[in-house]
Protein backbone atom coordinates (compact mmCIF):
# COMPACT_ATOMS: atom_id res chain seq x y z
CA UNK A 1 -37.63 55.69 117.82
CA UNK A 2 -36.75 52.14 117.09
CA UNK A 3 -40.00 51.20 115.79
CA UNK A 4 -39.19 53.68 113.33
CA UNK A 5 -35.26 52.34 112.17
CA UNK A 6 -37.50 48.55 111.74
CA UNK A 7 -39.91 49.73 109.51
CA UNK A 8 -37.46 50.92 107.80
CA UNK A 9 -36.07 48.29 107.32
CA UNK A 10 -38.74 45.96 107.08
CA UNK A 11 -39.14 48.05 103.75
CA UNK A 12 -35.91 47.51 102.67
CA UNK A 13 -36.24 43.73 103.08
CA UNK A 14 -39.01 43.70 101.24
CA UNK A 15 -36.96 45.44 97.88
CA UNK A 16 -34.45 42.95 97.80
CA UNK A 17 -36.12 40.19 98.58
CA UNK A 18 -39.11 41.79 95.22
CA UNK A 19 -35.53 42.56 93.50
CA UNK A 20 -34.04 38.98 93.26
CA UNK A 21 -36.79 37.03 93.11
CA UNK A 22 -37.08 39.91 89.65
CA UNK A 23 -33.56 39.00 88.46
CA UNK A 24 -34.88 35.11 88.41
CA UNK A 25 -37.76 35.02 87.04
CA UNK A 26 -37.28 32.78 83.78
CA UNK A 27 -38.20 35.51 80.43
CA UNK A 28 -38.05 34.10 76.73
CA UNK A 29 -37.63 36.84 74.27
CA UNK A 30 -36.38 37.70 70.77
CA UNK A 31 -33.04 38.64 69.27
CA UNK A 32 -30.97 39.01 65.97
CA UNK A 33 -28.17 37.20 65.52
CA UNK A 34 -25.33 38.09 62.21
CA UNK A 35 -24.96 34.55 60.77
CA UNK A 36 -21.67 34.51 59.71
CA UNK A 37 -21.27 32.32 56.75
CA UNK A 38 -18.09 30.51 55.34
CA UNK A 39 -17.95 29.45 52.18
CA UNK A 40 -16.63 26.62 49.51
CA UNK A 41 -12.83 28.13 47.92
CA UNK A 42 -14.19 29.47 44.48
CA UNK A 43 -17.73 28.71 44.98
CA UNK A 44 -20.68 31.00 45.50
CA UNK A 45 -23.84 31.14 46.15
CA UNK A 46 -26.39 31.73 42.90
CA UNK A 47 -28.81 34.23 45.88
CA UNK A 48 -27.72 36.71 48.16
CA UNK A 49 -27.58 34.55 51.77
CA UNK A 50 -29.42 35.79 54.55
CA UNK A 51 -27.26 38.54 56.93
CA UNK A 52 -29.48 37.32 59.57
CA UNK A 53 -31.18 35.28 61.99
CA UNK A 54 -34.16 35.37 64.05
CA UNK A 55 -33.23 33.89 67.44
CA UNK A 56 -35.91 32.85 70.67
CA UNK A 57 -34.20 32.37 73.96
CA UNK A 58 -35.11 32.38 77.55
CA UNK A 59 -33.40 32.49 80.52
CA UNK A 60 -33.66 35.18 83.74
CA UNK A 61 -34.75 39.02 83.22
CA UNK A 62 -30.84 39.83 83.48
CA UNK A 63 -29.33 37.33 81.42
CA UNK A 64 -31.60 38.41 78.67
CA UNK A 65 -31.33 41.66 79.10
CA UNK A 66 -27.22 41.06 78.47
CA UNK A 67 -28.02 38.74 75.27
CA UNK A 68 -29.68 42.05 73.85
CA UNK A 69 -26.90 43.32 74.52
CA UNK A 70 -24.38 40.99 73.18
CA UNK A 71 -22.73 40.20 69.81
CA UNK A 72 -24.85 37.00 68.87
CA UNK A 73 -23.26 34.34 65.81
CA UNK A 74 -24.41 31.60 64.17
CA UNK A 75 -21.75 29.82 62.69
CA UNK A 76 -22.78 28.69 58.78
CA UNK A 77 -19.96 26.48 57.23
CA UNK A 78 -19.67 25.87 54.48
CA UNK A 79 -17.03 24.76 53.42
CA UNK A 80 -16.79 20.81 52.79
CA UNK A 81 -20.01 21.43 50.68
CA UNK A 82 -19.74 21.35 46.71
CA UNK A 83 -21.56 22.34 44.02
CA UNK A 84 -24.99 22.01 43.78
CA UNK A 85 -28.76 22.75 45.45
CA UNK A 86 -27.71 21.96 50.09
CA UNK A 87 -29.80 22.54 52.56
CA UNK A 88 -28.73 23.93 56.28
CA UNK A 89 -29.82 23.29 59.58
CA UNK A 90 -29.24 26.70 60.94
CA UNK A 91 -30.15 25.38 64.38
CA UNK A 92 -27.64 23.32 64.80
CA UNK A 93 -25.56 25.30 63.37
CA UNK A 94 -25.67 26.32 67.30
CA UNK A 95 -25.32 30.18 68.83
CA UNK A 96 -22.09 32.06 69.73
CA UNK A 97 -22.63 34.99 71.86
CA UNK A 98 -24.72 34.79 74.79
CA UNK A 99 -24.22 34.56 78.30
CA UNK A 100 -24.32 32.75 80.86
CA UNK A 101 -28.12 31.52 81.66
CA UNK A 102 -29.90 32.48 78.61
CA UNK A 103 -31.03 29.15 76.27
CA UNK A 104 -31.82 28.99 72.47
CA UNK A 105 -35.32 27.61 72.06
CA UNK A 106 -35.52 28.39 68.12
CA UNK A 107 -33.73 30.16 65.34
CA UNK A 108 -35.96 31.34 62.60
CA UNK A 109 -35.85 29.89 59.55
CA UNK A 110 -34.64 27.28 60.94
CA UNK A 111 -33.06 26.11 57.25
CA UNK A 112 -32.64 27.02 54.32
CA UNK A 113 -32.20 25.70 51.05
CA UNK A 114 -29.42 27.25 48.26
CA UNK A 115 -27.63 26.98 45.35
CA UNK A 116 -23.57 26.69 44.85
CA UNK A 117 -22.50 27.38 41.78
CA UNK A 118 -18.77 28.03 39.94
CA UNK A 119 -17.80 31.57 40.85
CA UNK A 120 -17.17 33.39 37.79
CA UNK A 121 -16.22 36.77 36.05
CA UNK A 122 -16.59 38.20 32.69
CA UNK A 123 -17.02 41.91 30.94
CA UNK A 124 -20.31 43.17 30.31
CA UNK A 125 -21.51 46.74 28.82
CA UNK A 126 -22.95 48.98 31.76
CA UNK A 127 -26.26 51.09 30.87
CA UNK A 128 -27.91 54.50 32.54
CA UNK A 129 -31.09 54.51 34.02
CA UNK A 130 -31.85 58.18 33.62
CA UNK A 131 -34.76 59.24 35.62
CA UNK A 132 -36.37 62.78 36.21
CA UNK A 133 -37.66 65.75 34.11
CA UNK A 134 -35.01 67.80 32.51
CA UNK A 135 -36.10 71.29 32.81
CA UNK A 136 -38.45 72.81 30.12
CA UNK A 137 -37.60 72.77 26.82
CA UNK A 138 -34.55 70.51 26.71
CA UNK A 139 -34.12 66.56 26.53
CA UNK A 140 -31.64 64.08 27.05
CA UNK A 141 -29.66 63.42 23.57
CA UNK A 142 -27.37 61.02 24.96
CA UNK A 143 -25.54 59.46 28.07
CA UNK A 144 -21.92 58.65 28.10
CA UNK A 145 -20.72 56.35 30.66
CA UNK A 146 -16.80 55.59 31.50
CA UNK A 147 -15.80 53.18 30.71
CA UNK A 148 -18.73 50.92 29.15
CA UNK A 149 -17.58 48.41 29.99
CA UNK A 150 -16.70 46.41 33.65
CA UNK A 151 -15.87 43.39 34.86
CA UNK A 152 -18.47 41.51 37.11
CA UNK A 153 -18.12 37.53 39.39
CA UNK A 154 -20.46 36.01 40.09
CA UNK A 155 -22.36 32.66 40.19
CA UNK A 156 -21.58 31.92 36.66
CA UNK A 157 -24.89 29.98 35.25
CA UNK A 158 -26.47 33.42 36.85
CA UNK A 159 -23.26 36.01 34.03
CA UNK A 160 -23.83 33.35 31.65
CA UNK A 161 -26.90 35.30 31.00
CA UNK A 162 -26.19 38.69 32.47
CA UNK A 163 -26.11 40.63 28.95
CA UNK A 164 -25.12 44.12 30.50
CA UNK A 165 -25.57 45.84 34.48
CA UNK A 166 -27.84 48.55 35.14
CA UNK A 167 -26.21 52.20 37.57
CA UNK A 168 -28.01 53.50 40.55
CA UNK A 169 -30.75 55.56 39.11
CA UNK A 170 -28.82 59.29 37.50
CA UNK A 171 -30.86 62.17 38.27
CA UNK A 172 -31.85 65.20 34.75
CA UNK A 173 -33.84 66.81 36.91
CA UNK A 174 -34.16 70.45 35.81
CA UNK A 175 -31.56 69.21 33.54
CA UNK A 176 -30.46 72.14 31.02
CA UNK A 177 -27.05 71.89 29.74
CA UNK A 178 -24.43 69.37 29.48
CA UNK A 179 -22.81 67.60 32.48
CA UNK A 180 -20.62 65.19 33.77
CA UNK A 181 -21.63 62.98 37.07
CA UNK A 182 -20.43 60.03 39.15
CA UNK A 183 -22.38 56.87 38.71
CA UNK A 184 -22.89 54.11 41.33
CA UNK A 185 -23.72 50.19 39.83
CA UNK A 186 -26.96 48.20 41.02
CA UNK A 187 -25.74 44.92 40.36
CA UNK A 188 -28.17 42.21 40.80
CA UNK A 189 -28.11 39.79 43.46
CA UNK A 190 -25.00 37.76 43.91
CA UNK A 191 -22.58 39.69 41.45
CA UNK A 192 -20.51 41.76 42.72
CA UNK A 193 -18.18 45.07 40.05
CA UNK A 194 -14.52 44.53 39.78
CA UNK A 195 -13.61 47.29 39.11
CA UNK A 196 -12.94 49.99 42.26
CA UNK A 197 -13.30 52.96 40.42
CA UNK A 198 -16.79 53.70 39.96
CA UNK A 199 -17.65 55.03 36.12
CA UNK A 200 -18.26 58.92 35.28
CA UNK A 201 -21.51 59.68 32.98
CA UNK A 202 -21.28 62.36 30.45
CA UNK A 203 -24.80 63.63 29.63
CA UNK A 204 -25.62 65.97 27.03
CA UNK A 205 -28.81 67.90 26.70
CA UNK A 206 -30.15 69.44 23.51
CA UNK A 207 -33.11 72.03 22.77
CA UNK A 208 -36.48 69.68 22.38
CA UNK A 209 -37.11 70.00 18.74
CA UNK A 210 -40.68 70.27 18.69
CA UNK A 211 -42.73 70.81 15.53
CA UNK A 212 -46.00 73.37 14.76
CA UNK A 213 -47.86 74.21 11.87
CA UNK A 214 -48.77 77.54 10.85
CA UNK A 215 -52.40 78.23 8.77
CA UNK A 216 -53.15 81.78 7.13
CA UNK A 217 -49.69 82.73 6.41
CA UNK A 218 -49.69 85.15 3.54
CA UNK A 219 -47.52 84.72 0.33
CA UNK A 220 -46.53 87.90 -1.54
CA UNK A 221 -43.93 87.97 -4.69
CA UNK A 222 -40.42 89.65 -4.15
CA UNK A 223 -40.66 93.31 -4.67
CA UNK A 224 -42.83 92.87 -7.73
CA UNK A 225 -45.89 94.55 -7.53
CA UNK A 226 -47.67 93.60 -11.04
CA UNK A 227 -47.57 90.06 -10.35
CA UNK A 228 -50.47 88.43 -7.68
CA UNK A 229 -50.75 85.51 -6.22
CA UNK A 230 -53.42 82.86 -6.92
CA UNK A 231 -52.62 81.48 -3.38
CA UNK A 232 -53.56 83.98 -0.64
CA UNK A 233 -52.66 82.34 2.31
CA UNK A 234 -50.45 78.69 2.95
CA UNK A 235 -49.76 76.71 5.24
CA UNK A 236 -46.56 76.39 6.97
CA UNK A 237 -45.17 73.56 9.23
CA UNK A 238 -41.85 74.43 10.88
CA UNK A 239 -39.89 72.89 13.31
CA UNK A 240 -37.54 73.16 15.99
CA UNK A 241 -36.17 73.85 19.81
CA UNK A 242 -40.26 74.21 21.34
CA UNK A 243 -39.12 77.19 23.33
CA UNK A 244 -39.16 79.17 20.21
CA UNK A 245 -41.70 77.73 18.97
CA UNK A 246 -43.65 79.09 21.77
CA UNK A 247 -42.59 82.81 20.68
CA UNK A 248 -43.70 81.99 17.30
CA UNK A 249 -47.46 83.26 15.20
CA UNK A 250 -48.53 83.38 12.24
CA UNK A 251 -47.88 86.85 12.52
CA UNK A 252 -44.30 86.28 12.81
CA UNK A 253 -43.89 84.05 9.64
CA UNK A 254 -44.85 85.37 5.78
CA UNK A 255 -44.06 83.94 2.28
CA UNK A 256 -42.23 85.61 -0.94
CA UNK A 257 -42.13 84.36 -4.42
CA UNK A 258 -39.44 84.96 -6.02
CA UNK A 259 -39.79 84.86 -9.79
CA UNK A 260 -37.26 85.01 -12.21
CA UNK A 261 -35.01 88.03 -13.94
CA UNK A 262 -37.18 90.44 -16.17
CA UNK A 263 -40.42 88.12 -16.25
CA UNK A 264 -42.12 87.37 -19.69
CA UNK A 265 -44.58 84.43 -19.22
CA UNK A 266 -47.74 85.10 -18.12
CA UNK A 267 -48.07 83.28 -14.93
CA UNK A 268 -45.50 81.14 -12.89
CA UNK A 269 -45.96 78.29 -10.55
CA UNK A 270 -43.56 78.57 -7.54
CA UNK A 271 -41.75 75.98 -6.12
CA UNK A 272 -41.09 75.06 -1.99
CA UNK A 273 -37.65 74.20 -1.65
CA UNK A 274 -35.02 75.17 -3.82
CA UNK A 275 -32.83 77.56 -3.40
CA UNK A 276 -32.25 79.83 -6.08
CA UNK A 277 -34.40 80.86 -9.11
CA UNK A 278 -38.36 80.68 -9.50
CA UNK A 279 -39.03 79.45 -5.89
CA UNK A 280 -41.10 80.33 -3.09
CA UNK A 281 -39.14 81.23 0.05
CA UNK A 282 -40.44 81.32 3.82
CA UNK A 283 -39.40 84.61 6.54
CA UNK A 284 -39.65 83.87 9.70
CA UNK A 285 -37.88 85.01 13.37
CA UNK A 286 -36.42 81.43 14.51
CA UNK A 287 -33.77 82.41 12.35
CA UNK A 288 -31.52 78.76 11.74
CA UNK A 289 -32.83 77.51 15.22
CA UNK A 290 -36.10 76.40 13.78
CA UNK A 291 -36.31 75.83 10.07
CA UNK A 292 -39.82 74.96 8.04
CA UNK A 293 -40.33 71.38 6.91
CA UNK A 294 -43.20 71.77 4.40
CA UNK A 295 -46.03 74.36 3.09
CA UNK A 296 -49.19 73.94 1.82
CA UNK A 297 -49.96 73.64 -0.68
CA UNK A 298 -46.39 73.27 -2.04
CA UNK A 299 -46.70 75.01 -5.33
CA UNK A 300 -48.33 78.48 -5.74
CA UNK A 301 -49.15 80.12 -8.53
CA UNK A 302 -49.33 84.24 -9.52
CA UNK A 303 -50.10 85.91 -12.35
CA UNK A 304 -49.22 89.32 -13.91
CA UNK A 305 -51.92 91.93 -12.78
């Protein structure tokens, strides 16, 4: 019994010694640290500064574990800097938030260059950025943004060459009807939108317009069987919504020559285009949606039989 107690005590002492050694063992690790930038009043950088850097630290296992859960900050005070190009040594800025016993070996990047410029404001137009394909047979006719102009602020040199600012992608996939959506603005780096309210985009959709050429369209004389066209078939070009054109074939289209009242001549040439009198007219099932753009030949001769 006495030997058993000694064995348990020995194991306990060995474990305690191992834990002690592990706790004091020195380790190195990399941690993320937030950079707290302090800029001069009325100045800003022409490029966005990094939000975080990597800090290489060394310390005991317990100290490193505590540091991993800590809020580590690199304070970068630039408040005394002026307009122009500068370099800053981040390692010299110091690191805050590390527990005792943990030392900083390096900061990556250790230094960086940047340009300070005066803060300017101006109004710029907003351009809509569209992505995706509308529903088959439809297309985007227009996009109206409200507001169409916003006020932005940023480095003077950047705003001087900024004619407009884009929205983040507006998805029009599968769209077949007019719609209004809220959109976000995607400013260049270092530029900020002063307006709080996001723009709204009014998207107007229209049927996709296509053209088709129909060959072999028959020609007849309207309600006068004593006359015969010299050209039995013509070629007709139609334009209209893609969906309507897909349902239209040559068998659905016919051309008629309208003669004058009481025709007295032995032959006539009817032209496509006139609305009244002697004319060539094309009938099709597209009603008002489909328009006849042209016929070939444009004039058809008819003769008395």
